[in-house]
């Protein structure tokens, strides 16, 4: 028997998603008993927050470089690449942290996330 499916064997044939409260087949939920639709909504929210974090990190770094370092125009491409890379990393980190926080919060069925459309 596959060790990855043992937790699923302890569930019945149908389970209730802890977020939306809909009855789902046990193969349609993950270990935290979230259905695919609820996971997709949370992933979309986390992606938006990650985008905001990435833009904020890039803007803050660009302002710091422009005002404090005051680079010459000879290596402007390297500074631009640094700002873009920092924004990309900030967006990735922000998205993963937001997703983890949303998942850890695990709103019970009928809670505030059950009626939201993901925003």
PDB file of N, CA and C in Angstrom:
ATOM      1  N   UNK A   1       0.846  -1.181   0.000  1.00  0.00           N
ATOM      2  CA  UNK A   1       0.000   0.000   0.000  1.00  0.00           C
ATOM      3  C   UNK A   1       0.892   1.245   0.000  1.00  0.00           C
ATOM      4  N   UNK A   2       0.506   2.228  -0.745  1.00  0.00           N
ATOM      5  CA  UNK A   2       1.249   3.472  -0.858  1.00  0.00           C
ATOM      6  C   UNK A   2       1.081   4.293   0.420  1.00  0.00           C
ATOM      7  N   UNK A   3       2.201   4.720   1.005  1.00  0.00           N
ATOM      8  CA  UNK A   3       2.133   5.466   2.265  1.00  0.00           C
ATOM      9  C   UNK A   3       1.458   6.824   2.080  1.00  0.00           C
ATOM     10  N   UNK A   4       1.461   7.350   0.865  1.00  0.00           N
ATOM     11  CA  UNK A   4       0.824   8.643   0.639  1.00  0.00           C
ATOM     12  C   UNK A   4      -0.694   8.556   0.698  1.00  0.00           C
ATOM     13  N   UNK A   5      -1.268   7.396   0.510  1.00  0.00           N
ATOM     14  CA  UNK A   5      -2.720   7.284   0.504  1.00  0.00           C
ATOM     15  C   UNK A   5      -3.278   6.779   1.833  1.00  0.00           C
ATOM     16  N   UNK A   6      -2.456   6.476   2.798  1.00  0.00           N
ATOM     17  CA  UNK A   6      -2.942   5.934   4.072  1.00  0.00           C
ATOM     18  C   UNK A   6      -3.868   6.903   4.800  1.00  0.00           C
ATOM     19  N   UNK A   7      -3.552   8.177   4.788  1.00  0.00           N
ATOM     20  CA  UNK A   7      -4.408   9.136   5.468  1.00  0.00           C
ATOM     21  C   UNK A   7      -5.785   9.176   4.818  1.00  0.00           C
ATOM     22  N   UNK A   8      -5.831   8.985   3.525  1.00  0.00           N
ATOM     23  CA  UNK A   8      -7.098   9.022   2.802  1.00  0.00           C
ATOM     24  C   UNK A   8      -7.961   7.793   3.117  1.00  0.00           C
ATOM     25  N   UNK A   9      -7.307   6.669   3.436  1.00  0.00           N
ATOM     26  CA  UNK A   9      -8.039   5.451   3.762  1.00  0.00           C
ATOM     27  C   UNK A   9      -8.847   5.603   5.043  1.00  0.00           C
ATOM     28  N   UNK A  10      -8.436   6.507   5.924  1.00  0.00           N
ATOM     29  CA  UNK A  10      -9.141   6.715   7.186  1.00  0.00           C
ATOM     30  C   UNK A  10     -10.399   7.558   7.018  1.00  0.00           C
ATOM     31  N   UNK A  11     -10.536   8.197   5.847  1.00  0.00           N
ATOM     32  CA  UNK A  11     -11.729   9.001   5.582  1.00  0.00           C
ATOM     33  C   UNK A  11     -12.835   8.115   5.036  1.00  0.00           C
ATOM     34  N   UNK A  12     -14.046   8.586   5.088  1.00  0.00           N
ATOM     35  CA  UNK A  12     -15.144   7.870   4.457  1.00  0.00           C
ATOM     36  C   UNK A  12     -15.117   8.120   2.950  1.00  0.00           C
ATOM     37  N   UNK A  13     -16.143   7.681   2.280  1.00  0.00           N
ATOM     38  CA  UNK A  13     -16.221   7.915   0.838  1.00  0.00           C
ATOM     39  C   UNK A  13     -16.457   9.384   0.525  1.00  0.00           C
ATOM     40  N   UNK A  14     -17.187  10.062   1.409  1.00  0.00           N
ATOM     41  CA  UNK A  14     -17.471  11.475   1.214  1.00  0.00           C
ATOM     42  C   UNK A  14     -17.061  12.244   2.462  1.00  0.00           C
ATOM     43  N   UNK A  15     -16.528  13.430   2.247  1.00  0.00           N
ATOM     44  CA  UNK A  15     -16.136  14.310   3.352  1.00  0.00           C
ATOM     45  C   UNK A  15     -16.637  15.717   3.057  1.00  0.00           C
ATOM     46  N   UNK A  16     -16.650  16.537   4.072  1.00  0.00           N
ATOM     47  CA  UNK A  16     -17.093  17.911   3.936  1.00  0.00           C
ATOM     48  C   UNK A  16     -15.866  18.807   3.870  1.00  0.00           C
ATOM     49  N   UNK A  17     -15.806  19.683   2.874  1.00  0.00           N
ATOM     50  CA  UNK A  17     -14.725  20.672   2.784  1.00  0.00           C
ATOM     51  C   UNK A  17     -14.853  21.602   3.992  1.00  0.00           C
ATOM     52  N   UNK A  18     -13.763  21.818   4.710  1.00  0.00           N
ATOM     53  CA  UNK A  18     -13.828  22.626   5.933  1.00  0.00           C
ATOM     54  C   UNK A  18     -14.012  24.108   5.650  1.00  0.00           C
ATOM     55  N   UNK A  19     -13.826  24.530   4.401  1.00  0.00           N
ATOM     56  CA  UNK A  19     -13.963  25.942   4.078  1.00  0.00           C
ATOM     57  C   UNK A  19     -15.354  26.261   3.544  1.00  0.00           C
ATOM     58  N   UNK A  20     -15.763  25.571   2.489  1.00  0.00           N
ATOM     59  CA  UNK A  20     -17.052  25.890   1.864  1.00  0.00           C
ATOM     60  C   UNK A  20     -18.196  25.052   2.407  1.00  0.00           C
ATOM     61  N   UNK A  21     -17.895  23.949   3.069  1.00  0.00           N
ATOM     62  CA  UNK A  21     -18.933  23.123   3.652  1.00  0.00           C
ATOM     63  C   UNK A  21     -19.629  22.186   2.683  1.00  0.00           C
ATOM     64  N   UNK A  22     -19.144  22.100   1.445  1.00  0.00           N
ATOM     65  CA  UNK A  22     -19.758  21.208   0.471  1.00  0.00           C
ATOM     66  C   UNK A  22     -19.261  19.784   0.660  1.00  0.00           C
ATOM     67  N   UNK A  23     -20.146  18.833   0.431  1.00  0.00           N
ATOM     68  CA  UNK A  23     -19.778  17.422   0.529  1.00  0.00           C
ATOM     69  C   UNK A  23     -19.037  17.042  -0.754  1.00  0.00           C
ATOM     70  N   UNK A  24     -17.872  16.462  -0.582  1.00  0.00           N
ATOM     71  CA  UNK A  24     -17.012  16.076  -1.714  1.00  0.00           C
ATOM     72  C   UNK A  24     -16.614  14.624  -1.570  1.00  0.00           C
ATOM     73  N   UNK A  25     -16.238  14.024  -2.681  1.00  0.00           N
ATOM     74  CA  UNK A  25     -15.648  12.697  -2.645  1.00  0.00           C
ATOM     75  C   UNK A  25     -14.301  12.823  -1.943  1.00  0.00           C
ATOM     76  N   UNK A  26     -13.919  11.814  -1.199  1.00  0.00           N
ATOM     77  CA  UNK A  26     -12.682  11.910  -0.427  1.00  0.00           C
ATOM     78  C   UNK A  26     -11.446  12.063  -1.311  1.00  0.00           C
ATOM     79  N   UNK A  27     -11.535  11.711  -2.579  1.00  0.00           N
ATOM     80  CA  UNK A  27     -10.389  11.888  -3.481  1.00  0.00           C
ATOM     81  C   UNK A  27     -10.266  13.316  -3.984  1.00  0.00           C
ATOM     82  N   UNK A  28     -11.263  14.157  -3.708  1.00  0.00           N
ATOM     83  CA  UNK A  28     -11.259  15.532  -4.194  1.00  0.00           C
ATOM     84  C   UNK A  28     -10.779  16.543  -3.159  1.00  0.00           C
ATOM     85  N   UNK A  29     -10.344  16.081  -2.003  1.00  0.00           N
ATOM     86  CA  UNK A  29      -9.859  16.993  -0.964  1.00  0.00           C
ATOM     87  C   UNK A  29      -8.416  16.652  -0.622  1.00  0.00           C
ATOM     88  N   UNK A  30      -7.721  17.621  -0.053  1.00  0.00           N
ATOM     89  CA  UNK A  30      -6.344  17.378   0.357  1.00  0.00           C
ATOM     90  C   UNK A  30      -6.302  16.996   1.831  1.00  0.00           C
ATOM     91  N   UNK A  31      -5.122  16.935   2.400  1.00  0.00           N
ATOM     92  CA  UNK A  31      -4.969  16.502   3.798  1.00  0.00           C
ATOM     93  C   UNK A  31      -5.631  17.428   4.794  1.00  0.00           C
ATOM     94  N   UNK A  32      -5.766  18.683   4.441  1.00  0.00           N
ATOM     95  CA  UNK A  32      -6.428  19.628   5.340  1.00  0.00           C
ATOM     96  C   UNK A  32      -7.920  19.713   5.057  1.00  0.00           C
ATOM     97  N   UNK A  33      -8.414  18.804   4.210  1.00  0.00           N
ATOM     98  CA  UNK A  33      -9.825  18.696   3.830  1.00  0.00           C
ATOM     99  C   UNK A  33     -10.340  19.943   3.122  1.00  0.00           C
ATOM    100  N   UNK A  34      -9.508  20.517   2.274  1.00  0.00           N
ATOM    101  CA  UNK A  34      -9.891  21.633   1.423  1.00  0.00           C
ATOM    102  C   UNK A  34     -10.161  21.089   0.028  1.00  0.00           C
ATOM    103  N   UNK A  35     -11.255  21.517  -0.597  1.00  0.00           N
ATOM    104  CA  UNK A  35     -11.539  21.096  -1.967  1.00  0.00           C
ATOM    105  C   UNK A  35     -10.703  21.935  -2.942  1.00  0.00           C
ATOM    106  N   UNK A  36     -10.675  21.499  -4.193  1.00  0.00           N
ATOM    107  CA  UNK A  36      -9.862  22.178  -5.214  1.00  0.00           C
ATOM    108  C   UNK A  36     -10.310  23.624  -5.426  1.00  0.00           C
ATOM    109  N   UNK A  37     -11.608  23.873  -5.404  1.00  0.00           N
ATOM    110  CA  UNK A  37     -12.113  25.232  -5.594  1.00  0.00           C
ATOM    111  C   UNK A  37     -11.654  26.183  -4.502  1.00  0.00           C
ATOM    112  N   UNK A  38     -11.698  25.719  -3.271  1.00  0.00           N
ATOM    113  CA  UNK A  38     -11.253  26.559  -2.147  1.00  0.00           C
ATOM    114  C   UNK A  38      -9.752  26.810  -2.219  1.00  0.00           C
ATOM    115  N   UNK A  39      -8.986  25.782  -2.589  1.00  0.00           N
ATOM    116  CA  UNK A  39      -7.542  25.970  -2.746  1.00  0.00           C
ATOM    117  C   UNK A  39      -7.247  26.968  -3.854  1.00  0.00           C
ATOM    118  N   UNK A  40      -7.978  26.880  -4.958  1.00  0.00           N
ATOM    119  CA  UNK A  40      -7.752  27.798  -6.087  1.00  0.00           C
ATOM    120  C   UNK A  40      -8.045  29.244  -5.686  1.00  0.00           C
ATOM    121  N   UNK A  41      -9.128  29.453  -4.919  1.00  0.00           N
ATOM    122  CA  UNK A  41      -9.443  30.814  -4.478  1.00  0.00           C
ATOM    123  C   UNK A  41      -8.354  31.373  -3.565  1.00  0.00           C
ATOM    124  N   UNK A  42      -7.854  30.546  -2.659  1.00  0.00           N
ATOM    125  CA  UNK A  42      -6.804  30.994  -1.747  1.00  0.00           C
ATOM    126  C   UNK A  42      -5.504  31.237  -2.511  1.00  0.00           C
ATOM    127  N   UNK A  43      -5.201  30.398  -3.476  1.00  0.00           N
ATOM    128  CA  UNK A  43      -3.993  30.602  -4.282  1.00  0.00           C
ATOM    129  C   UNK A  43      -4.078  31.902  -5.075  1.00  0.00           C
ATOM    130  N   UNK A  44      -5.257  32.241  -5.584  1.00  0.00           N
ATOM    131  CA  UNK A  44      -5.426  33.495  -6.318  1.00  0.00           C
ATOM    132  C   UNK A  44      -5.242  34.697  -5.390  1.00  0.00           C
ATOM    133  N   UNK A  45      -5.811  34.614  -4.177  1.00  0.00           N
ATOM    134  CA  UNK A  45      -5.627  35.704  -3.216  1.00  0.00           C
ATOM    135  C   UNK A  45      -4.161  35.853  -2.839  1.00  0.00           C
ATOM    136  N   UNK A  46      -3.493  34.740  -2.615  1.00  0.00           N
ATOM    137  CA  UNK A  46      -2.076  34.783  -2.249  1.00  0.00           C
ATOM    138  C   UNK A  46      -1.236  35.332  -3.392  1.00  0.00           C
ATOM    139  N   UNK A  47      -1.591  35.016  -4.632  1.00  0.00           N
ATOM    140  CA  UNK A  47      -0.847  35.537  -5.783  1.00  0.00           C
ATOM    141  C   UNK A  47      -0.978  37.057  -5.877  1.00  0.00           C
ATOM    142  N   UNK A  48      -2.187  37.575  -5.615  1.00  0.00           N
ATOM    143  CA  UNK A  48      -2.363  39.033  -5.629  1.00  0.00           C
ATOM    144  C   UNK A  48      -1.531  39.696  -4.543  1.00  0.00           C
ATOM    145  N   UNK A  49      -1.550  39.138  -3.358  1.00  0.00           N
ATOM    146  CA  UNK A  49      -0.762  39.707  -2.264  1.00  0.00           C
ATOM    147  C   UNK A  49       0.718  39.621  -2.592  1.00  0.00           C
ATOM    148  N   UNK A  50       1.150  38.510  -3.167  1.00  0.00           N
ATOM    149  CA  UNK A  50       2.541  38.362  -3.574  1.00  0.00           C
ATOM    150  C   UNK A  50       2.946  39.412  -4.588  1.00  0.00           C
ATOM    151  N   UNK A  51       2.058  39.716  -5.520  1.00  0.00           N
ATOM    152  CA  UNK A  51       2.340  40.751  -6.515  1.00  0.00           C
ATOM    153  C   UNK A  51       2.539  42.105  -5.834  1.00  0.00           C
ATOM    154  N   UNK A  52       1.666  42.419  -4.888  1.00  0.00           N
ATOM    155  CA  UNK A  52       1.799  43.685  -4.166  1.00  0.00           C
ATOM    156  C   UNK A  52       3.114  43.743  -3.387  1.00  0.00           C
ATOM    157  N   UNK A  53       3.480  42.648  -2.749  1.00  0.00           N
ATOM    158  CA  UNK A  53       4.738  42.599  -1.999  1.00  0.00           C
ATOM    159  C   UNK A  53       5.920  42.779  -2.950  1.00  0.00           C
ATOM    160  N   UNK A  54       5.884  42.096  -4.086  1.00  0.00           N
ATOM    161  CA  UNK A  54       6.975  42.202  -5.052  1.00  0.00           C
ATOM    162  C   UNK A  54       7.146  43.614  -5.593  1.00  0.00           C
ATOM    163  N   UNK A  55       6.036  44.249  -5.914  1.00  0.00           N
ATOM    164  CA  UNK A  55       6.106  45.632  -6.405  1.00  0.00           C
ATOM    165  C   UNK A  55       6.633  46.550  -5.306  1.00  0.00           C
ATOM    166  N   UNK A  56       6.188  46.332  -4.073  1.00  0.00           N
ATOM    167  CA  UNK A  56       6.671  47.150  -2.963  1.00  0.00           C
ATOM    168  C   UNK A  56       8.163  46.984  -2.718  1.00  0.00           C
ATOM    169  N   UNK A  57       8.631  45.734  -2.767  1.00  0.00           N
ATOM    170  CA  UNK A  57      10.066  45.474  -2.581  1.00  0.00           C
ATOM    171  C   UNK A  57      10.871  46.127  -3.696  1.00  0.00           C
ATOM    172  N   UNK A  58      10.409  45.964  -4.930  1.00  0.00           N
ATOM    173  CA  UNK A  58      11.124  46.551  -6.064  1.00  0.00           C
ATOM    174  C   UNK A  58      11.137  48.073  -5.981  1.00  0.00           C
ATOM    175  N   UNK A  59      10.020  48.675  -5.615  1.00  0.00           N
ATOM    176  CA  UNK A  59       9.955  50.130  -5.504  1.00  0.00           C
ATOM    177  C   UNK A  59      10.858  50.650  -4.389  1.00  0.00           C
ATOM    178  N   UNK A  60      10.847  49.960  -3.250  1.00  0.00           N
ATOM    179  CA  UNK A  60      11.696  50.380  -2.133  1.00  0.00           C
ATOM    180  C   UNK A  60      13.173  50.256  -2.493  1.00  0.00           C
ATOM    181  N   UNK A  61      13.537  49.153  -3.138  1.00  0.00           N
ATOM    182  CA  UNK A  61      14.928  48.974  -3.534  1.00  0.00           C
ATOM    183  C   UNK A  61      15.343  50.004  -4.588  1.00  0.00           C
ATOM    184  N   UNK A  62      14.471  50.265  -5.553  1.00  0.00           N
ATOM    185  CA  UNK A  62      14.776  51.257  -6.587  1.00  0.00           C
ATOM    186  C   UNK A  62      14.967  52.648  -5.974  1.00  0.00           C
ATOM    187  N   UNK A  63      14.097  52.998  -5.023  1.00  0.00           N
ATOM    188  CA  UNK A  63      14.236  54.296  -4.361  1.00  0.00           C
ATOM    189  C   UNK A  63      15.539  54.370  -3.573  1.00  0.00           C
ATOM    190  N   UNK A  64      15.872  53.290  -2.877  1.00  0.00           N
ATOM    191  CA  UNK A  64      17.117  53.275  -2.106  1.00  0.00           C
ATOM    192  C   UNK A  64      18.324  53.388  -3.031  1.00  0.00           C
ATOM    193  N   UNK A  65      18.317  52.653  -4.107  1.00  0.00           N
ATOM    194  CA  UNK A  65      19.438  52.723  -5.062  1.00  0.00           C
ATOM    195  C   UNK A  65      19.539  54.125  -5.648  1.00  0.00           C
ATOM    196  N   UNK A  66      18.408  54.694  -6.025  1.00  0.00           N
ATOM    197  CA  UNK A  66      18.414  56.004  -6.671  1.00  0.00           C
ATOM    198  C   UNK A  66      18.847  57.108  -5.706  1.00  0.00           C
ATOM    199  N   UNK A  67      18.359  57.060  -4.464  1.00  0.00           N
ATOM    200  CA  UNK A  67      18.619  58.147  -3.525  1.00  0.00           C
ATOM    201  C   UNK A  67      19.900  57.976  -2.718  1.00  0.00           C
ATOM    202  N   UNK A  68      20.240  56.748  -2.350  1.00  0.00           N
ATOM    203  CA  UNK A  68      21.392  56.527  -1.480  1.00  0.00           C
ATOM    204  C   UNK A  68      22.642  56.187  -2.289  1.00  0.00           C
ATOM    205  N   UNK A  69      22.543  55.211  -3.149  1.00  0.00           N
ATOM    206  CA  UNK A  69      23.720  54.772  -3.900  1.00  0.00           C
ATOM    207  C   UNK A  69      24.048  55.738  -5.034  1.00  0.00           C
ATOM    208  N   UNK A  70      23.039  56.273  -5.671  1.00  0.00           N
ATOM    209  CA  UNK A  70      23.190  57.194  -6.806  1.00  0.00           C
ATOM    210  C   UNK A  70      24.151  56.616  -7.849  1.00  0.00           C
ATOM    211  N   UNK A  71      23.725  55.551  -8.528  1.00  0.00           N
ATOM    212  CA  UNK A  71      24.616  54.855  -9.461  1.00  0.00           C
ATOM    213  C   UNK A  71      24.878  55.679 -10.720  1.00  0.00           C
ATOM    214  N   UNK A  72      25.986  55.385 -11.343  1.00  0.00           N
ATOM    215  CA  UNK A  72      26.294  56.040 -12.622  1.00  0.00           C
ATOM    216  C   UNK A  72      25.471  55.372 -13.717  1.00  0.00           C
ATOM    217  N   UNK A  73      25.340  56.036 -14.836  1.00  0.00           N
ATOM    218  CA  UNK A  73      24.559  55.493 -15.949  1.00  0.00           C
ATOM    219  C   UNK A  73      25.290  54.366 -16.671  1.00  0.00           C
ATOM    220  N   UNK A  74      26.563  54.177 -16.390  1.00  0.00           N
ATOM    221  CA  UNK A  74      27.330  53.144 -17.072  1.00  0.00           C
ATOM    222  C   UNK A  74      26.859  51.733 -16.718  1.00  0.00           C
ATOM    223  N   UNK A  75      26.397  51.556 -15.487  1.00  0.00           N
ATOM    224  CA  UNK A  75      25.970  50.220 -15.076  1.00  0.00           C
ATOM    225  C   UNK A  75      24.487  50.206 -14.706  1.00  0.00           C
ATOM    226  N   UNK A  76      23.705  51.036 -15.369  1.00  0.00           N
ATOM    227  CA  UNK A  76      22.275  51.121 -15.067  1.00  0.00           C
ATOM    228  C   UNK A  76      21.573  49.782 -15.306  1.00  0.00           C
ATOM    229  N   UNK A  77      22.001  49.049 -16.308  1.00  0.00           N
ATOM    230  CA  UNK A  77      21.386  47.753 -16.607  1.00  0.00           C
ATOM    231  C   UNK A  77      21.527  46.774 -15.464  1.00  0.00           C
ATOM    232  N   UNK A  78      22.656  46.792 -14.793  1.00  0.00           N
ATOM    233  CA  UNK A  78      22.864  45.895 -13.656  1.00  0.00           C
ATOM    234  C   UNK A  78      21.952  46.275 -12.495  1.00  0.00           C
ATOM    235  N   UNK A  79      21.761  47.558 -12.256  1.00  0.00           N
ATOM    236  CA  UNK A  79      20.875  47.993 -11.182  1.00  0.00           C
ATOM    237  C   UNK A  79      19.429  47.658 -11.510  1.00  0.00           C
ATOM    238  N   UNK A  80      19.055  47.826 -12.764  1.00  0.00           N
ATOM    239  CA  UNK A  80      17.691  47.485 -13.179  1.00  0.00           C
ATOM    240  C   UNK A  80      17.457  45.986 -12.987  1.00  0.00           C
ATOM    241  N   UNK A  81      18.433  45.178 -13.379  1.00  0.00           N
ATOM    242  CA  UNK A  81      18.312  43.731 -13.199  1.00  0.00           C
ATOM    243  C   UNK A  81      18.202  43.371 -11.720  1.00  0.00           C
ATOM    244  N   UNK A  82      18.925  44.080 -10.875  1.00  0.00           N
ATOM    245  CA  UNK A  82      18.853  43.841  -9.432  1.00  0.00           C
ATOM    246  C   UNK A  82      17.463  44.151  -8.896  1.00  0.00           C
ATOM    247  N   UNK A  83      16.881  45.252  -9.341  1.00  0.00           N
ATOM    248  CA  UNK A  83      15.542  45.640  -8.896  1.00  0.00           C
ATOM    249  C   UNK A  83      14.503  44.630  -9.384  1.00  0.00           C
ATOM    250  N   UNK A  84      14.623  44.199 -10.631  1.00  0.00           N
ATOM    251  CA  UNK A  84      13.677  43.214 -11.175  1.00  0.00           C
ATOM    252  C   UNK A  84      13.790  41.893 -10.423  1.00  0.00           C
ATOM    253  N   UNK A  85      15.005  41.453 -10.167  1.00  0.00           N
ATOM    254  CA  UNK A  85      15.202  40.199  -9.433  1.00  0.00           C
ATOM    255  C   UNK A  85      14.651  40.303  -8.013  1.00  0.00           C
ATOM    256  N   UNK A  86      14.862  41.416  -7.355  1.00  0.00           N
ATOM    257  CA  UNK A  86      14.339  41.602  -5.998  1.00  0.00           C
ATOM    258  C   UNK A  86      12.812  41.610  -6.007  1.00  0.00           C
ATOM    259  N   UNK A  87      12.218  42.236  -7.002  1.00  0.00           N
ATOM    260  CA  UNK A  87      10.762  42.239  -7.120  1.00  0.00           C
ATOM    261  C   UNK A  87      10.213  40.844  -7.349  1.00  0.00           C
ATOM    262  N   UNK A  88      10.877  40.076  -8.201  1.00  0.00           N
ATOM    263  CA  UNK A  88      10.448  38.707  -8.493  1.00  0.00           C
ATOM    264  C   UNK A  88      10.535  37.834  -7.240  1.00  0.00           C
ATOM    265  N   UNK A  89      11.670  37.933  -6.541  1.00  0.00           N
ATOM    266  CA  UNK A  89      11.827  37.155  -5.305  1.00  0.00           C
ATOM    267  C   UNK A  89      10.836  37.598  -4.231  1.00  0.00           C
ATOM    268  N   UNK A  90      10.629  38.893  -4.118  1.00  0.00           N
ATOM    269  CA  UNK A  90       9.663  39.399  -3.143  1.00  0.00           C
ATOM    270  C   UNK A  90       8.262  38.898  -3.425  1.00  0.00           C
ATOM    271  N   UNK A  91       7.896  38.836  -4.710  1.00  0.00           N
ATOM    272  CA  UNK A  91       6.572  38.330  -5.082  1.00  0.00           C
ATOM    273  C   UNK A  91       6.437  36.851  -4.747  1.00  0.00           C
ATOM    274  N   UNK A  92       7.479  36.081  -5.025  1.00  0.00           N
ATOM    275  CA  UNK A  92       7.437  34.641  -4.717  1.00  0.00           C
ATOM    276  C   UNK A  92       7.325  34.412  -3.210  1.00  0.00           C
ATOM    277  N   UNK A  93       8.143  35.102  -2.444  1.00  0.00           N
ATOM    278  CA  UNK A  93       8.122  34.933  -0.992  1.00  0.00           C
ATOM    279  C   UNK A  93       6.791  35.413  -0.418  1.00  0.00           C
ATOM    280  N   UNK A  94       6.323  36.563  -0.877  1.00  0.00           N
ATOM    281  CA  UNK A  94       5.038  37.086  -0.404  1.00  0.00           C
ATOM    282  C   UNK A  94       3.894  36.145  -0.697  1.00  0.00           C
ATOM    283  N   UNK A  95       3.889  35.542  -1.896  1.00  0.00           N
ATOM    284  CA  UNK A  95       2.831  34.602  -2.264  1.00  0.00           C
ATOM    285  C   UNK A  95       2.852  33.366  -1.370  1.00  0.00           C
ATOM    286  N   UNK A  96       4.027  32.808  -1.141  1.00  0.00           N
ATOM    287  CA  UNK A  96       4.121  31.592  -0.325  1.00  0.00           C
ATOM    288  C   UNK A  96       3.762  31.856   1.135  1.00  0.00           C
ATOM    289  N   UNK A  97       4.194  32.989   1.660  1.00  0.00           N
ATOM    290  CA  UNK A  97       3.856  33.319   3.051  1.00  0.00           C
ATOM    291  C   UNK A  97       2.355  33.554   3.181  1.00  0.00           C
ATOM    292  N   UNK A  98       1.767  34.296   2.253  1.00  0.00           N
ATOM    293  CA  UNK A  98       0.327  34.546   2.306  1.00  0.00           C
ATOM    294  C   UNK A  98      -0.454  33.246   2.177  1.00  0.00           C
ATOM    295  N   UNK A  99      -0.045  32.367   1.285  1.00  0.00           N
ATOM    296  CA  UNK A  99      -0.733  31.084   1.116  1.00  0.00           C
ATOM    297  C   UNK A  99      -0.645  30.253   2.397  1.00  0.00           C
ATOM    298  N   UNK A 100       0.519  30.234   3.010  1.00  0.00           N
ATOM    299  CA  UNK A 100       0.683  29.494   4.258  1.00  0.00           C
ATOM    300  C   UNK A 100      -0.181  30.059   5.373  1.00  0.00           C
ATOM    301  N   UNK A 101      -0.273  31.370   5.455  1.00  0.00           N
ATOM    302  CA  UNK A 101      -1.097  32.001   6.490  1.00  0.00           C
ATOM    303  C   UNK A 101      -2.567  31.687   6.249  1.00  0.00           C
ATOM    304  N   UNK A 102      -3.015  31.794   4.999  1.00  0.00           N
ATOM    305  CA  UNK A 102      -4.413  31.494   4.699  1.00  0.00           C
ATOM    306  C   UNK A 102      -4.747  30.047   5.015  1.00  0.00           C
ATOM    307  N   UNK A 103      -3.845  29.147   4.678  1.00  0.00           N
ATOM    308  CA  UNK A 103      -4.095  27.727   4.924  1.00  0.00           C
ATOM    309  C   UNK A 103      -4.061  27.416   6.424  1.00  0.00           C
ATOM    310  N   UNK A 104      -3.158  28.029   7.156  1.00  0.00           N
ATOM    311  CA  UNK A 104      -3.060  27.771   8.593  1.00  0.00           C
ATOM    312  C   UNK A 104      -4.275  28.321   9.336  1.00  0.00           C
ATOM    313  N   UNK A 105      -4.853  29.360   8.813  1.00  0.00           N
ATOM    314  CA  UNK A 105      -6.017  29.969   9.452  1.00  0.00           C
ATOM    315  C   UNK A 105      -7.230  29.052   9.374  1.00  0.00           C
ATOM    316  N   UNK A 106      -7.319  28.272   8.306  1.00  0.00           N
ATOM    317  CA  UNK A 106      -8.340  27.246   8.092  1.00  0.00           C
ATOM    318  C   UNK A 106      -9.705  27.638   8.632  1.00  0.00           C
ATOM    319  N   UNK A 107     -10.391  28.486   7.891  1.00  0.00           N
ATOM    320  CA  UNK A 107     -11.710  28.943   8.284  1.00  0.00           C
ATOM    321  C   UNK A 107     -12.695  27.785   8.256  1.00  0.00           C
ATOM    322  N   UNK A 108     -13.408  27.529   9.349  1.00  0.00           N
ATOM    323  CA  UNK A 108     -14.389  26.437   9.360  1.00  0.00           C
ATOM    324  C   UNK A 108     -15.530  26.701   8.384  1.00  0.00           C
ATOM    325  N   UNK A 109     -16.229  25.664   8.010  1.00  0.00           N
ATOM    326  CA  UNK A 109     -17.356  25.789   7.084  1.00  0.00           C
ATOM    327  C   UNK A 109     -18.357  26.795   7.613  1.00  0.00           C
ATOM    328  N   UNK A 110     -18.835  27.638   6.726  1.00  0.00           N
ATOM    329  CA  UNK A 110     -19.803  28.659   7.124  1.00  0.00           C
ATOM    330  C   UNK A 110     -19.145  29.927   7.634  1.00  0.00           C
ATOM    331  N   UNK A 111     -17.805  29.968   7.636  1.00  0.00           N
ATOM    332  CA  UNK A 111     -17.094  31.159   8.106  1.00  0.00           C
ATOM    333  C   UNK A 111     -17.073  32.247   7.071  1.00  0.00           C
ATOM    334  N   UNK A 112     -16.234  33.244   7.280  1.00  0.00           N
ATOM    335  CA  UNK A 112     -16.211  34.401   6.391  1.00  0.00           C
ATOM    336  C   UNK A 112     -15.738  34.054   4.992  1.00  0.00           C
ATOM    337  N   UNK A 113     -14.848  33.059   4.836  1.00  0.00           N
ATOM    338  CA  UNK A 113     -14.362  32.694   3.513  1.00  0.00           C
ATOM    339  C   UNK A 113     -15.377  31.874   2.731  1.00  0.00           C
ATOM    340  N   UNK A 114     -16.360  31.298   3.392  1.00  0.00           N
ATOM    341  CA  UNK A 114     -17.314  30.422   2.717  1.00  0.00           C
ATOM    342  C   UNK A 114     -18.192  31.201   1.754  1.00  0.00           C
ATOM    343  N   UNK A 115     -18.476  32.464   2.067  1.00  0.00           N
ATOM    344  CA  UNK A 115     -19.338  33.232   1.197  1.00  0.00           C
ATOM    345  C   UNK A 115     -18.571  34.195   0.313  1.00  0.00           C
ATOM    346  N   UNK A 116     -17.263  34.311   0.506  1.00  0.00           N
ATOM    347  CA  UNK A 116     -16.493  35.248  -0.309  1.00  0.00           C
ATOM    348  C   UNK A 116     -16.193  34.651  -1.662  1.00  0.00           C
ATOM    349  N   UNK A 117     -15.972  35.531  -2.612  1.00  0.00           N
ATOM    350  CA  UNK A 117     -15.649  35.058  -3.956  1.00  0.00           C
ATOM    351  C   UNK A 117     -14.155  35.073  -4.172  1.00  0.00           C
ATOM    352  N   UNK A 118     -13.392  35.128  -3.120  1.00  0.00           N
ATOM    353  CA  UNK A 118     -11.938  35.070  -3.230  1.00  0.00           C
ATOM    354  C   UNK A 118     -11.296  36.427  -3.168  1.00  0.00           C
ATOM    355  N   UNK A 119     -11.971  37.471  -2.781  1.00  0.00           N
ATOM    356  CA  UNK A 119     -11.333  38.767  -2.775  1.00  0.00           C
ATOM    357  C   UNK A 119     -11.624  39.475  -1.579  1.00  0.00           C
TER     358      UNK A 119
END
